[in-house]
Amino acid sequence: MSEQNPVQEKPKFQAPKKKKKWLKRLIILVVLVALIALVLVRCMSGGVQSVSGSYLPATAGIQDLTVAVTGPGTIKPNDSYRATTLIKGEILSAPFEEGSTIHKDDVLFTIDASDVETAIKQARTGVEQAQLSVKSAQLNYDSLLRTQNDNTKDRQVKANASGVVTKVYVDPGDTLAAGAPIADILDRDNMKLEVPFHSVNAANFYVGQNASVTVSGTAEILYGAISEISATDSVGPGGTLVRNVTITVQNPGALSDTSIGSAAVGEFTSSASGAFQYGERKQLIAKYSGELETLTLHEGDRVTKDQLVGEFKETKMQDQIDAAAIQLDNARLSLRNAQDSLERTQDSLEDYTITSPITGTVIEKNYKEGDNYDPSTASSTGSNAFLAVIYDMSRLTFDINVAEMDVVRVQVGQRVTFTADALDGQEFTGVVEKVNINGTTQNGNTSYPVTVAVDGVGDQLAAEGLLPGMSVSANIIVEEVGSVLCVPVDAIQRGNTVLVAGPGALDENGSLADFTKLEQRTVELGRNNDEYIEILDGLSEGDTVFIPNTASSFMNTMMGM
């Protein structure tokens, strides 16, 4: 048998495996999408519930509303005095202790004032000297006024005696002041002899009576007359009473002030001899102030009384008077300055006795008797800057700064309640005492200080723990509205709206289930305080409003998811 090749069959068609893998992937993708959708739905539901918890419900209700202006303050005593001074020195007395009650004008400290007492004596001497200067300037001014009409006469220089010029002090062209010496004139033509006579004999003599003089050494006899008789007696040689008599004779030419002589009047002779004197010795004085234009005097010249010997250059008398007036004004000004200096020095003496301007209690006593006080040291170191501190604790006060928008509602007499930071659970009361219109502007905002007087006696309040320096938070009751419809202030949204529940916002228990269903409602607002605000229209009693809860935010909800 011959072998036949078997006929090979063609393979059957099979779907490619790649197509089956695609189908499986499609099915898996559909399942995943379904799962993701389910998760998202649940997350959205939970998110709505979480966001809904970010709102707090509040009910509009009728309540008593009190409107107040609030602010912080610091308790102060009714008055205080911090004793200090600009002087320094040893404290001589300080008759009080801490805790003592001090009355107004009581002496607190006395400080050693020996330096200022010495200064007062010097100032008084300065006043006396200034008074003398004024007197001198006044005399000069008055003298110029009196001599204003005698200008021409005073300009002429005339000899004031007859005799010989023994000395010339000035020259033409010199500028002199009234009273300056011009020349000395000596009368040698006449000689005077002063000798004693027994008082019994001299009692009958008289001026002008003839007398004779005997010159000692030459026995020359000269005749003259009595020119002067002493009014009193004196004791002469041998204890007898004598009286001096002056006799004037003409000088024959040989007599000088070294010559000696005796005299006889009638039958009576002098009891002793005497020395001759020149008839007259005068100094020519200027009566005018100015430039000496001419002068004809020379030493040795003989002149007669009233002889014209020179003349001053004419000047305007008014200029001198004006100058004297200025000098007088300056002297008066110096006197006034000296008097002011004395007054200031005397006033400064009061600074060495320090008294209290208020009645109160001594809070601090930093210096005692025997201590040395130096204000520059005290202020630079900052320690013991004050000698003592006194508080008037009859009552307590404090100031609060009220904004310009609120101060118009604050009035004197309004009731105030406040608490102290250091005293938990205690409330105090007071009354507005003063509204100061002197405001302070900072960063474009102006505030005004309002003074509050605390109810009660200051000492008793301090005993209860309310002390000066404590910080307080105050409420000024500006209006008591009464019973009105109110909601919390935080419930008011922008545009005077509130959030209320719309359809589907609440669940069957009345809780917020879907915050997206909250609706905004416009309301009319009235008065308010820090917590509640009056609703005039737009809500009714019992209506629920929703307040954003700042303690739970949408971000916290998302972070939780």
Protein backbone atom coordinates (compact mmCIF):
# COMPACT_ATOMS: atom_id res chain seq x y z
CA MET A 1 0.00 0.00 0.00
CA SER A 2 1.28 3.22 -0.82
CA GLU A 3 1.30 5.83 1.96
CA GLN A 4 -0.72 8.96 1.43
CA ASN A 5 0.19 12.31 3.02
CA PRO A 6 -2.44 13.29 5.48
CA VAL A 7 -4.40 16.39 4.70
CA GLN A 8 -3.69 19.10 7.31
CA GLU A 9 -6.76 21.03 8.59
CA LYS A 10 -6.68 24.81 8.92
CA PRO A 11 -6.83 26.09 12.49
CA LYS A 12 -10.14 27.48 13.79
CA PHE A 13 -10.50 31.32 14.28
CA GLN A 14 -10.05 32.53 17.92
CA ALA A 15 -10.80 35.98 19.36
CA PRO A 16 -7.67 37.73 20.39
CA LYS A 17 -6.93 37.81 24.17
CA LYS A 18 -6.31 41.54 24.03
CA LYS A 19 -10.01 42.18 23.50
CA LYS A 20 -10.93 40.25 26.65
CA LYS A 21 -8.47 42.35 28.77
CA TRP A 22 -10.06 45.58 27.57
CA LEU A 23 -13.49 44.40 28.60
CA LYS A 24 -12.32 43.54 32.10
CA ARG A 25 -10.72 46.94 32.50
CA LEU A 26 -13.93 48.60 31.40
CA ILE A 27 -15.95 46.72 33.97
CA ILE A 28 -13.45 47.64 36.72
CA LEU A 29 -13.56 51.32 35.70
CA VAL A 30 -17.36 51.38 35.87
CA VAL A 31 -17.28 49.89 39.35
CA LEU A 32 -14.69 52.42 40.54
CA VAL A 33 -16.73 55.34 39.20
CA ALA A 34 -19.76 54.04 41.05
CA LEU A 35 -17.81 53.74 44.28
CA ILE A 36 -16.35 57.24 43.93
CA ALA A 37 -19.78 58.68 43.29
CA LEU A 38 -21.12 56.99 46.39
CA VAL A 39 -18.25 58.37 48.50
CA LEU A 40 -18.71 61.88 47.14
CA VAL A 41 -22.42 61.85 47.92
CA ARG A 42 -21.70 60.81 51.48
CA CYS A 43 -18.96 63.39 51.85
CA MET A 44 -21.20 66.14 50.56
CA SER A 45 -23.89 65.10 53.01
CA GLY A 46 -21.42 65.12 55.88
CA GLY A 47 -20.02 68.48 54.69
CA VAL A 48 -23.42 70.05 54.76
CA GLN A 49 -23.98 68.81 58.27
CA SER A 50 -20.51 70.07 59.34
CA VAL A 51 -20.94 73.52 57.80
CA SER A 52 -24.39 73.74 59.33
CA GLY A 53 -22.69 73.39 62.72
CA SER A 54 -20.77 76.62 62.07
CA TYR A 55 -23.90 78.66 62.87
CA LEU A 56 -25.39 79.23 66.31
CA PRO A 57 -29.13 79.84 66.73
CA ALA A 58 -30.47 82.78 68.74
CA THR A 59 -34.04 83.77 69.51
CA ALA A 60 -35.42 87.31 69.16
CA GLY A 61 -36.90 88.16 72.53
CA ILE A 62 -38.27 90.99 74.69
CA GLN A 63 -35.81 92.15 77.37
CA ASP A 64 -34.66 95.24 79.28
CA LEU A 65 -32.00 97.05 77.25
CA THR A 66 -29.47 99.37 78.84
CA VAL A 67 -27.23 101.50 76.57
CA ALA A 68 -23.76 102.20 77.97
CA VAL A 69 -20.46 103.73 76.92
CA THR A 70 -17.53 101.65 78.08
CA GLY A 71 -13.88 102.30 78.67
CA PRO A 72 -10.90 101.61 80.93
CA GLY A 73 -9.60 103.90 83.67
CA THR A 74 -7.24 104.14 86.66
CA ILE A 75 -8.38 104.89 90.21
CA LYS A 76 -7.09 108.19 91.63
CA PRO A 77 -7.47 109.91 95.02
CA ASN A 78 -9.57 113.04 95.24
CA ASP A 79 -6.38 115.11 95.31
CA SER A 80 -2.69 114.50 95.76
CA TYR A 81 0.44 116.51 96.55
CA ARG A 82 4.01 115.48 95.86
CA ALA A 83 6.20 117.71 97.98
CA THR A 84 9.30 118.92 96.20
CA THR A 85 11.45 122.03 95.87
CA LEU A 86 14.15 123.43 93.61
CA ILE A 87 16.39 124.41 96.51
CA LYS A 88 18.90 122.22 98.24
CA GLY A 89 20.19 122.10 101.78
CA GLU A 90 19.95 120.39 105.13
CA ILE A 91 16.47 119.55 106.41
CA LEU A 92 16.08 121.19 109.82
CA SER A 93 12.65 119.77 110.68
CA ALA A 94 10.11 117.26 109.34
CA PRO A 95 7.45 116.96 112.09
CA PHE A 96 5.29 114.13 110.67
CA GLU A 97 5.36 110.42 109.85
CA GLU A 98 3.90 108.14 107.19
CA GLY A 99 0.21 107.57 107.86
CA SER A 100 -0.15 110.93 109.63
CA THR A 101 -3.10 113.15 108.83
CA ILE A 102 -1.92 116.48 107.43
CA HIS A 103 -4.11 119.57 107.27
CA LYS A 104 -3.87 122.31 104.69
CA ASP A 105 -1.00 124.78 105.34
CA ASP A 106 0.68 122.47 107.87
CA VAL A 107 4.48 122.71 107.78
CA LEU A 108 6.06 119.61 106.27
CA PHE A 109 9.75 120.53 106.00
CA THR A 110 12.01 123.44 106.91
CA ILE A 111 15.38 123.68 105.11
CA ASP A 112 18.48 125.59 106.20
CA ALA A 113 18.16 129.10 104.71
CA SER A 114 21.40 130.73 105.92
CA ASP A 115 22.60 131.31 102.33
CA VAL A 116 19.46 133.12 101.27
CA GLU A 117 19.45 135.23 104.45
CA THR A 118 22.95 136.45 103.52
CA ALA A 119 21.71 137.17 100.01
CA ILE A 120 18.84 139.23 101.45
CA LYS A 121 21.30 141.41 103.38
CA GLN A 122 23.34 141.97 100.22
CA ALA A 123 20.20 142.80 98.26
CA ARG A 124 19.17 145.38 100.88
CA THR A 125 22.59 147.03 100.58
CA GLY A 126 22.12 147.15 96.81
CA VAL A 127 18.77 148.89 97.28
CA GLU A 128 20.32 151.50 99.58
CA GLN A 129 23.09 152.22 97.06
CA ALA A 130 20.55 152.53 94.27
CA GLN A 131 18.49 154.95 96.38
CA LEU A 132 21.56 157.16 96.86
CA SER A 133 22.19 157.12 93.11
CA VAL A 134 18.62 158.22 92.46
CA LYS A 135 18.95 161.01 95.01
CA SER A 136 22.19 162.23 93.42
CA ALA A 137 20.72 162.10 89.92
CA GLN A 138 17.61 163.91 91.13
CA LEU A 139 19.67 166.71 92.69
CA ASN A 140 21.67 167.12 89.49
CA TYR A 141 18.51 167.22 87.38
CA ASP A 142 16.83 169.74 89.70
CA SER A 143 19.96 171.88 89.72
CA LEU A 144 20.02 172.03 85.93
CA LEU A 145 16.38 173.01 85.84
CA ARG A 146 16.99 175.82 88.34
CA THR A 147 19.95 177.15 86.41
CA GLN A 148 18.40 176.82 82.96
CA ASN A 149 17.47 180.53 82.92
CA ASP A 150 20.92 181.59 84.17
CA ASN A 151 22.78 180.02 81.29
CA THR A 152 24.58 183.16 80.14
CA LYS A 153 25.61 184.17 83.66
CA ASP A 154 27.01 180.76 84.51
CA ARG A 155 29.04 180.61 81.29
CA GLN A 156 31.07 183.61 82.45
CA VAL A 157 34.04 182.87 84.72
CA LYS A 158 34.49 185.70 87.28
CA ALA A 159 37.01 185.99 90.08
CA ASN A 160 35.40 185.23 93.43
CA ALA A 161 38.01 187.16 95.40
CA SER A 162 40.58 189.94 95.07
CA GLY A 163 44.18 188.88 95.19
CA VAL A 164 46.97 187.08 93.38
CA VAL A 165 46.47 183.94 91.28
CA THR A 166 48.65 181.29 92.90
CA LYS A 167 47.66 178.27 90.78
CA VAL A 168 45.75 177.62 87.51
CA TYR A 169 44.29 174.13 87.02
CA VAL A 170 42.88 174.28 83.45
CA ASP A 171 43.56 175.63 79.99
CA PRO A 172 41.28 177.03 77.28
CA GLY A 173 39.70 174.21 75.31
CA ASP A 174 39.38 171.90 78.31
CA THR A 175 35.95 170.32 78.96
CA LEU A 176 34.87 170.81 82.54
CA ALA A 177 32.00 169.70 84.71
CA ALA A 178 30.23 172.03 87.09
CA GLY A 179 32.17 172.11 90.36
CA ALA A 180 35.60 171.57 88.80
CA PRO A 181 38.43 173.83 90.15
CA ILE A 182 39.78 176.50 87.81
CA ALA A 183 42.30 178.49 89.91
CA ASP A 184 43.43 179.42 93.43
CA ILE A 185 43.33 183.14 94.46
CA LEU A 186 45.22 184.52 97.47
CA ASP A 187 44.56 187.99 99.01
CA ARG A 188 47.96 189.22 100.24
CA ASP A 189 46.93 192.87 100.42
CA ASN A 190 45.00 192.35 103.61
CA MET A 191 46.22 190.41 106.62
CA LYS A 192 44.24 189.04 109.54
CA LEU A 193 45.49 188.63 113.07
CA GLU A 194 43.53 186.54 115.58
CA VAL A 195 44.62 187.21 119.20
CA PRO A 196 43.03 186.63 122.67
CA PHE A 197 41.73 189.43 124.95
CA HIS A 198 40.50 189.10 128.50
CA SER A 199 36.86 188.18 128.18
CA VAL A 200 35.77 191.00 130.50
CA ASN A 201 37.38 193.53 128.19
CA ALA A 202 36.37 191.82 124.93
CA ALA A 203 32.75 191.76 126.04
CA ASN A 204 32.55 195.48 125.20
CA PHE A 205 34.24 195.23 121.74
CA TYR A 206 32.28 195.36 118.48
CA VAL A 207 32.95 194.58 114.83
CA GLY A 208 34.34 197.58 112.98
CA GLN A 209 35.95 199.06 116.05
CA ASN A 210 39.40 200.58 115.42
CA ALA A 211 42.41 198.60 116.57
CA SER A 212 46.19 198.68 116.25
CA VAL A 213 48.57 195.80 115.53
CA THR A 214 52.25 195.58 116.52
CA VAL A 215 54.41 193.35 114.34
CA SER A 216 56.79 191.28 116.42
CA GLY A 217 60.45 191.65 115.60
CA THR A 218 60.08 195.01 113.85
CA ALA A 219 57.81 196.79 116.39
CA GLU A 220 56.00 198.24 113.37
CA ILE A 221 52.50 199.45 114.26
CA LEU A 222 49.68 198.91 111.76
CA TYR A 223 46.15 200.24 112.08
CA GLY A 224 43.00 198.37 111.18
CA ALA A 225 39.59 197.32 112.53
CA ILE A 226 37.93 194.41 114.30
CA SER A 227 36.44 192.03 111.69
CA GLU A 228 35.30 189.17 113.94
CA ILE A 229 34.73 188.47 117.67
CA SER A 230 34.45 184.92 119.00
CA ALA A 231 31.06 184.11 120.51
CA THR A 232 32.46 181.99 123.34
CA ASP A 233 35.21 182.24 125.93
CA SER A 234 38.15 179.89 126.34
CA VAL A 235 40.82 179.36 128.98
CA GLY A 236 43.98 181.35 128.36
CA PRO A 237 47.44 181.41 129.96
CA GLY A 238 47.30 181.36 133.78
CA GLY A 239 43.78 180.01 133.76
CA THR A 240 42.12 183.30 132.84
CA LEU A 241 39.09 183.47 130.55
CA VAL A 242 39.84 184.97 127.17
CA ARG A 243 37.93 185.63 123.96
CA ASN A 244 39.54 185.61 120.48
CA VAL A 245 39.29 188.79 118.41
CA THR A 246 40.23 189.02 114.70
CA ILE A 247 41.68 192.30 113.41
CA THR A 248 42.18 193.08 109.68
CA VAL A 249 44.97 195.38 108.53
CA GLN A 250 46.52 196.29 105.21
CA ASN A 251 49.75 194.46 104.35
CA PRO A 252 52.58 196.91 103.95
CA GLY A 253 54.25 194.32 101.77
CA ALA A 254 56.52 192.44 104.14
CA LEU A 255 53.92 190.43 106.11
CA SER A 256 53.30 186.75 105.40
CA ASP A 257 51.55 183.87 107.09
CA THR A 258 54.72 183.30 109.11
CA SER A 259 54.65 186.78 110.72
CA ILE A 260 53.68 187.22 114.40
CA GLY A 261 51.94 190.18 116.06
CA SER A 262 49.92 191.50 118.99
CA ALA A 263 46.99 193.94 119.10
CA ALA A 264 45.43 196.68 121.15
CA VAL A 265 41.86 197.98 121.23
CA GLY A 266 41.66 201.31 122.95
CA GLU A 267 43.45 200.94 126.27
CA PHE A 268 43.22 197.12 126.30
CA THR A 269 45.98 194.96 124.84
CA SER A 270 45.84 191.31 123.83
CA SER A 271 46.88 188.74 126.40
CA ALA A 272 49.03 186.90 123.84
CA SER A 273 50.41 187.20 120.33
CA GLY A 274 49.11 185.41 117.22
CA ALA A 275 50.13 184.49 113.66
CA PHE A 276 49.11 186.61 110.71
CA GLN A 277 46.85 185.05 108.05
CA TYR A 278 46.25 186.19 104.49
CA GLY A 279 43.09 188.21 104.10
CA GLU A 280 41.41 185.63 101.88
CA ARG A 281 42.24 182.29 100.22
CA LYS A 282 39.65 181.20 97.60
CA GLN A 283 39.39 178.55 94.91
CA LEU A 284 37.64 179.58 91.70
CA ILE A 285 35.08 176.87 90.82
CA ALA A 286 33.32 176.26 87.46
CA LYS A 287 29.58 176.81 87.58
CA TYR A 288 29.03 175.49 84.08
CA SER A 289 29.58 172.17 82.33
CA GLY A 290 31.15 172.26 78.90
CA GLU A 291 34.16 173.45 76.93
CA LEU A 292 36.15 176.33 78.45
CA GLU A 293 36.43 178.66 75.45
CA THR A 294 38.62 181.43 76.98
CA LEU A 295 40.69 181.92 80.17
CA THR A 296 42.91 184.98 80.87
CA LEU A 297 44.32 183.81 84.20
CA HIS A 298 48.00 183.05 84.74
CA GLU A 299 49.89 182.32 87.92
CA GLY A 300 51.01 185.56 89.54
CA ASP A 301 48.26 187.67 88.00
CA ARG A 302 46.45 190.05 90.31
CA VAL A 303 42.64 190.02 90.05
CA THR A 304 39.78 191.79 91.72
CA LYS A 305 36.55 190.24 92.87
CA ASP A 306 33.93 189.76 90.08
CA GLN A 307 36.58 190.38 87.41
CA LEU A 308 35.72 188.49 84.16
CA VAL A 309 38.59 186.06 83.57
CA GLY A 310 37.09 183.52 81.15
CA GLU A 311 34.01 182.10 79.44
CA PHE A 312 32.60 178.67 78.53
CA LYS A 313 31.52 177.85 75.00
CA GLU A 314 27.78 178.17 74.76
CA THR A 315 25.91 174.88 74.64
CA LYS A 316 22.24 174.12 74.69
CA MET A 317 21.11 173.78 78.25
CA GLN A 318 18.33 171.46 77.16
CA ASP A 319 20.86 168.86 76.08
CA GLN A 320 22.26 168.80 79.59
CA ILE A 321 18.80 168.58 81.08
CA ASP A 322 17.89 165.71 78.77
CA ALA A 323 21.10 163.91 79.67
CA ALA A 324 20.41 164.46 83.37
CA ALA A 325 16.85 163.14 82.86
CA ILE A 326 18.22 159.99 81.22
CA GLN A 327 20.69 159.59 84.06
CA LEU A 328 17.83 159.96 86.55
CA ASP A 329 15.71 157.39 84.68
CA ASN A 330 18.61 154.95 84.65
CA ALA A 331 19.13 155.46 88.35
CA ARG A 332 15.44 154.83 89.01
CA LEU A 333 15.56 151.72 86.82
CA SER A 334 18.56 150.44 88.75
CA LEU A 335 16.68 151.08 91.97
CA ARG A 336 13.64 149.19 90.69
CA ASN A 337 15.85 146.26 89.63
CA ALA A 338 17.51 146.24 93.03
CA GLN A 339 14.11 146.30 94.75
CA ASP A 340 12.86 143.46 92.54
CA SER A 341 15.98 141.47 93.32
CA LEU A 342 15.40 142.01 97.03
CA GLU A 343 11.75 141.01 96.70
CA ARG A 344 12.63 137.85 94.76
CA THR A 345 15.25 136.93 97.30
CA GLN A 346 12.81 137.50 100.16
CA ASP A 347 10.17 135.46 98.33
CA SER A 348 12.65 132.63 97.86
CA LEU A 349 12.94 132.48 101.63
CA GLU A 350 9.41 131.06 101.64
CA ASP A 351 10.65 128.11 99.55
CA TYR A 352 12.71 126.95 102.50
CA THR A 353 9.49 126.27 104.43
CA ILE A 354 7.39 123.64 102.63
CA THR A 355 3.72 123.44 103.57
CA SER A 356 0.90 121.19 102.41
CA PRO A 357 -1.68 122.75 100.05
CA ILE A 358 -4.20 119.98 100.82
CA THR A 359 -5.62 118.00 103.72
CA GLY A 360 -4.83 114.32 103.47
CA THR A 361 -2.81 111.32 104.58
CA VAL A 362 0.96 110.93 104.23
CA ILE A 363 1.57 108.06 101.81
CA GLU A 364 5.35 108.48 101.55
CA LYS A 365 7.97 110.26 103.65
CA ASN A 366 11.34 110.02 101.92
CA TYR A 367 13.43 112.49 103.95
CA LYS A 368 13.83 113.21 107.64
CA GLU A 369 15.45 115.81 109.89
CA GLY A 370 19.20 115.99 109.27
CA ASP A 371 19.05 114.71 105.69
CA ASN A 372 20.49 116.78 102.84
CA TYR A 373 18.15 117.30 99.91
CA ASP A 374 19.50 117.98 96.42
CA PRO A 375 16.80 118.14 93.70
CA SER A 376 19.31 117.57 90.90
CA THR A 377 20.51 114.32 92.46
CA ALA A 378 16.99 113.17 93.27
CA SER A 379 15.70 113.76 89.75
CA SER A 380 18.71 112.21 88.04
CA THR A 381 18.68 108.99 90.06
CA GLY A 382 14.88 108.69 90.13
CA SER A 383 14.96 107.60 93.78
CA ASN A 384 13.26 109.69 96.43
CA ALA A 385 12.43 112.31 93.84
CA PHE A 386 9.74 113.68 96.18
CA LEU A 387 10.21 114.77 99.75
CA ALA A 388 6.81 113.33 100.63
CA VAL A 389 3.53 112.26 98.99
CA ILE A 390 0.10 113.12 100.41
CA TYR A 391 -3.25 111.71 99.26
CA ASP A 392 -6.66 113.21 99.91
CA MET A 393 -8.66 109.98 100.30
CA SER A 394 -11.98 111.65 101.09
CA ARG A 395 -13.20 110.20 97.79
CA LEU A 396 -11.90 108.38 94.71
CA THR A 397 -12.15 109.26 91.01
CA PHE A 398 -10.99 107.98 87.65
CA ASP A 399 -10.92 109.19 84.04
CA ILE A 400 -11.94 107.28 80.94
CA ASN A 401 -11.36 108.34 77.35
CA VAL A 402 -14.59 108.36 75.35
CA ALA A 403 -14.60 108.32 71.53
CA GLU A 404 -15.99 111.33 69.69
CA MET A 405 -18.96 109.30 68.40
CA ASP A 406 -19.98 108.42 71.97
CA VAL A 407 -19.07 111.53 73.97
CA VAL A 408 -22.15 113.39 72.69
CA ARG A 409 -24.27 110.93 74.66
CA VAL A 410 -22.36 111.38 77.92
CA GLN A 411 -23.65 113.95 80.41
CA VAL A 412 -22.75 115.02 83.94
CA GLY A 413 -24.76 113.10 86.51
CA GLN A 414 -25.14 109.85 84.56
CA ARG A 415 -24.80 106.63 86.54
CA VAL A 416 -21.64 104.54 86.15
CA THR A 417 -20.90 100.92 87.04
CA PHE A 418 -17.39 99.51 86.99
CA THR A 419 -15.25 96.59 88.05
CA ALA A 420 -11.61 96.45 89.09
CA ASP A 421 -9.27 94.00 87.39
CA ALA A 422 -7.76 93.08 90.74
CA LEU A 423 -11.10 92.49 92.51
CA ASP A 424 -12.99 89.63 90.87
CA GLY A 425 -16.73 89.53 91.38
CA GLN A 426 -17.02 93.02 92.89
CA GLU A 427 -18.92 95.81 91.17
CA PHE A 428 -18.75 99.47 92.17
CA THR A 429 -20.82 102.49 91.20
CA GLY A 430 -20.17 106.15 90.52
CA VAL A 431 -21.43 109.19 88.67
CA VAL A 432 -20.13 111.28 85.78
CA GLU A 433 -18.63 114.40 87.34
CA LYS A 434 -17.05 116.16 84.37
CA VAL A 435 -16.94 115.90 80.57
CA ASN A 436 -13.75 117.59 79.36
CA ILE A 437 -14.07 119.16 75.90
CA ASN A 438 -10.28 119.25 75.48
CA GLY A 439 -9.95 116.21 73.27
CA THR A 440 -6.86 114.29 72.16
CA THR A 441 -6.46 113.25 68.52
CA GLN A 442 -4.39 110.21 67.59
CA ASN A 443 -4.30 108.47 64.21
CA GLY A 444 -7.29 110.51 63.08
CA ASN A 445 -9.45 109.50 66.07
CA THR A 446 -10.39 111.97 68.80
CA SER A 447 -11.25 111.00 72.36
CA TYR A 448 -12.37 113.09 75.32
CA PRO A 449 -11.58 112.49 79.01
CA VAL A 450 -14.60 111.92 81.24
CA THR A 451 -14.14 112.14 85.03
CA VAL A 452 -16.13 109.72 87.21
CA ALA A 453 -16.61 110.21 90.96
CA VAL A 454 -16.80 106.88 92.81
CA ASP A 455 -19.70 106.43 95.22
CA GLY A 456 -18.64 106.06 98.84
CA VAL A 457 -15.91 107.38 101.15
CA GLY A 458 -12.42 106.91 99.75
CA ASP A 459 -10.91 105.52 102.96
CA GLN A 460 -13.67 102.93 103.28
CA LEU A 461 -13.33 101.92 99.63
CA ALA A 462 -9.58 101.53 100.10
CA ALA A 463 -10.23 99.31 103.12
CA GLU A 464 -12.41 97.15 100.87
CA GLY A 465 -9.50 96.78 98.45
CA LEU A 466 -10.19 99.54 95.88
CA LEU A 467 -6.86 101.39 95.88
CA PRO A 468 -5.43 104.30 93.87
CA GLY A 469 -3.61 103.04 90.79
CA MET A 470 -5.93 100.08 90.17
CA SER A 471 -7.19 99.52 86.60
CA VAL A 472 -10.97 99.48 86.15
CA SER A 473 -13.45 98.82 83.34
CA ALA A 474 -16.39 101.23 83.41
CA ASN A 475 -19.87 101.42 81.89
CA ILE A 476 -21.46 104.84 81.65
CA ILE A 477 -25.24 104.30 81.56
CA VAL A 478 -26.31 106.74 78.87
CA GLU A 479 -29.88 105.36 78.43
CA GLU A 480 -32.19 102.77 79.97
CA VAL A 481 -34.41 101.79 77.06
CA GLY A 482 -36.76 99.40 78.88
CA SER A 483 -38.37 96.23 77.47
CA VAL A 484 -37.82 95.97 73.73
CA LEU A 485 -37.32 93.25 71.08
CA CYS A 486 -33.62 92.38 70.90
CA VAL A 487 -31.18 89.99 69.27
CA PRO A 488 -27.44 89.58 69.91
CA VAL A 489 -25.27 92.20 68.22
CA ASP A 490 -23.29 89.44 66.47
CA ALA A 491 -26.44 88.38 64.61
CA ILE A 492 -26.45 91.57 62.53
CA GLN A 493 -24.81 91.12 59.12
CA ARG A 494 -23.66 93.64 56.55
CA GLY A 495 -26.49 95.82 55.23
CA ASN A 496 -28.51 95.51 58.45
CA THR A 497 -29.55 91.92 57.69
CA VAL A 498 -29.97 88.74 59.73
CA LEU A 499 -29.86 85.08 58.74
CA VAL A 500 -33.18 83.18 59.15
CA ALA A 501 -34.14 79.60 58.22
CA GLY A 502 -35.68 79.16 54.78
CA PRO A 503 -37.66 76.11 53.56
CA GLY A 504 -35.65 72.92 54.10
CA ALA A 505 -33.03 74.52 56.29
CA LEU A 506 -34.17 72.78 59.48
CA ASP A 507 -34.60 69.10 60.22
CA GLU A 508 -37.49 67.48 62.05
CA ASN A 509 -35.84 68.44 65.38
CA GLY A 510 -35.62 72.12 64.42
CA SER A 511 -31.84 72.01 64.04
CA LEU A 512 -30.03 73.54 61.08
CA ALA A 513 -29.63 70.78 58.55
CA ASP A 514 -28.70 72.71 55.42
CA PHE A 515 -26.93 76.05 55.75
CA THR A 516 -27.48 76.70 52.06
CA LYS A 517 -31.18 77.16 52.84
CA LEU A 518 -30.51 80.14 55.18
CA GLU A 519 -31.98 83.41 53.96
CA GLN A 520 -30.99 87.04 54.60
CA ARG A 521 -33.70 89.29 55.98
CA THR A 522 -33.40 93.09 56.25
CA VAL A 523 -34.28 94.50 59.68
CA GLU A 524 -34.62 98.01 61.12
CA LEU A 525 -32.23 98.59 63.99
CA GLY A 526 -32.61 100.71 67.12
CA ARG A 527 -30.37 101.27 70.13
CA ASN A 528 -27.73 98.85 71.34
CA ASN A 529 -25.10 98.06 73.91
CA ASP A 530 -22.08 95.77 73.64
CA GLU A 531 -24.23 92.59 73.67
CA TYR A 532 -27.73 93.27 72.35
CA ILE A 533 -29.36 95.50 69.74
CA GLU A 534 -32.96 96.62 69.44
CA ILE A 535 -35.04 95.38 66.43
CA LEU A 536 -37.65 97.90 65.38
CA ASP A 537 -38.99 96.01 62.36
CA GLY A 538 -38.33 92.80 60.39
CA LEU A 539 -38.52 90.24 63.22
CA SER A 540 -41.07 89.06 65.73
CA GLU A 541 -40.67 87.73 69.22
CA GLY A 542 -39.63 84.11 69.06
CA ASP A 543 -38.04 84.26 65.62
CA THR A 544 -34.79 82.34 65.31
CA VAL A 545 -31.73 83.95 63.77
CA PHE A 546 -28.40 82.30 63.07
CA ILE A 547 -25.01 83.68 64.08
CA PRO A 548 -21.77 82.59 62.40
CA ASN A 549 -19.82 80.53 64.95
CA THR A 550 -16.26 81.81 64.87
CA ALA A 551 -15.12 78.86 66.98
CA SER A 552 -16.01 76.39 64.19
CA SER A 553 -15.13 77.33 60.65
CA PHE A 554 -15.67 75.86 57.24
CA MET A 555 -11.92 75.30 57.02
CA ASN A 556 -12.02 73.11 60.11
CA THR A 557 -14.83 71.10 58.52
CA MET A 558 -12.84 70.55 55.33
CA MET A 559 -9.78 69.54 57.33
CA GLY A 560 -11.96 67.02 59.16
CA MET A 561 -13.10 65.51 55.85
